[in-house]
Structure formats: C-alpha cells, structure tokens
Protein backbone atom coordinates (compact mmCIF):
# COMPACT_ATOMS: atom_id res chain seq x y z
CA UNK A 1 12.99 5.06 -11.73
CA UNK A 2 9.31 5.28 -12.53
CA UNK A 3 6.82 8.11 -12.85
CA UNK A 4 6.52 8.16 -9.01
CA UNK A 5 9.72 7.40 -7.09
CA UNK A 6 8.92 7.23 -3.37
CA UNK A 7 12.52 6.57 -2.30
CA UNK A 8 13.78 9.68 -4.09
CA UNK A 9 10.62 11.68 -3.22
CA UNK A 10 10.21 12.67 -6.86
CA UNK A 11 7.69 12.28 -9.63
CA UNK A 12 8.49 12.27 -13.31
CA UNK A 13 6.66 13.29 -16.44
CA UNK A 14 7.96 10.97 -19.19
CA UNK A 15 9.73 12.45 -22.21
CA UNK A 16 6.93 11.39 -24.57
CA UNK A 17 4.59 13.71 -22.61
CA UNK A 18 6.95 16.69 -22.83
CA UNK A 19 7.28 19.21 -25.62
CA UNK A 20 11.06 19.25 -25.09
CA UNK A 21 11.15 15.42 -25.35
CA UNK A 22 13.06 15.16 -22.03
CA UNK A 23 11.77 13.65 -18.80
CA UNK A 24 10.80 16.26 -16.22
CA UNK A 25 11.22 15.50 -12.52
CA UNK A 26 9.78 17.40 -9.59
CA UNK A 27 9.93 16.93 -5.80
CA UNK A 28 7.09 15.45 -3.76
CA UNK A 29 6.24 16.89 -0.35
CA UNK A 30 6.59 14.78 2.79
CA UNK A 31 2.80 14.94 3.24
CA UNK A 32 2.23 13.54 -0.25
CA UNK A 33 4.79 10.78 0.33
CA UNK A 34 2.82 9.76 3.45
CA UNK A 35 -0.42 9.68 1.46
CA UNK A 36 1.13 7.62 -1.33
CA UNK A 37 2.56 5.14 1.19
CA UNK A 38 -0.91 4.73 2.74
CA UNK A 39 -2.40 4.17 -0.71
CA UNK A 40 0.26 1.50 -1.32
CA UNK A 41 -1.03 -0.38 1.77
CA UNK A 42 -4.51 -0.54 0.22
CA UNK A 43 -3.16 -2.30 -2.87
CA UNK A 44 0.33 -3.67 -2.06
CA UNK A 45 0.67 -5.72 -5.26
CA UNK A 46 -0.65 -3.09 -7.65
CA UNK A 47 1.54 -1.05 -9.95
CA UNK A 48 -0.80 1.93 -10.23
CA UNK A 49 -1.32 4.71 -7.72
CA UNK A 50 -4.97 5.14 -8.71
CA UNK A 51 -7.22 2.42 -10.06
CA UNK A 52 -10.62 2.56 -11.69
CA UNK A 53 -13.08 -0.14 -12.66
CA UNK A 54 -14.67 2.31 -15.09
CA UNK A 55 -13.58 3.19 -18.60
CA UNK A 56 -9.92 3.79 -19.23
CA UNK A 57 -8.68 7.18 -18.11
CA UNK A 58 -5.51 6.96 -20.15
CA UNK A 59 -2.09 6.32 -18.70
CA UNK A 60 -2.04 6.30 -14.91
CA UNK A 61 0.64 7.26 -12.46
CA UNK A 62 2.68 4.23 -11.39
CA UNK A 63 4.64 3.42 -8.25
CA UNK A 64 8.37 2.84 -8.30
CA UNK A 65 10.48 2.08 -5.25
C-alpha cells in the first residue's frame, strides 16, 4: 500500500501527516482512477504521480499498484 493505491481505488494520508498519528484512507472516483492511469502511461517507470523540474515542492504523491 502506498499513498495512492490504484488497485484498491484509495489514497492515503500517512500517519506522520495526521494529527491523530494514524493513516487516513479515502476512496478515489472512477474518473480520477482513469486520469491517474493515463498519467502513469506518460511516465511508466516513475514513482511519483506529479513531477517537477523546478524547486522541491515537498513530498509528492506516489503510485502504488
């Protein structure tokens, strides 16, 4: 399981980003799953959903399958 789990159609906010110190999962819509799968095709070997060549934007969302 990663922050974005396409197979389970869920995304997760890690425990270290939560006040309650527990991971928080929420469902992803079918439309968003389609978008994320298309993004995966643009960068099939990448581990991040969004990339930037600019300054660091902090921790990024990652794919998990």
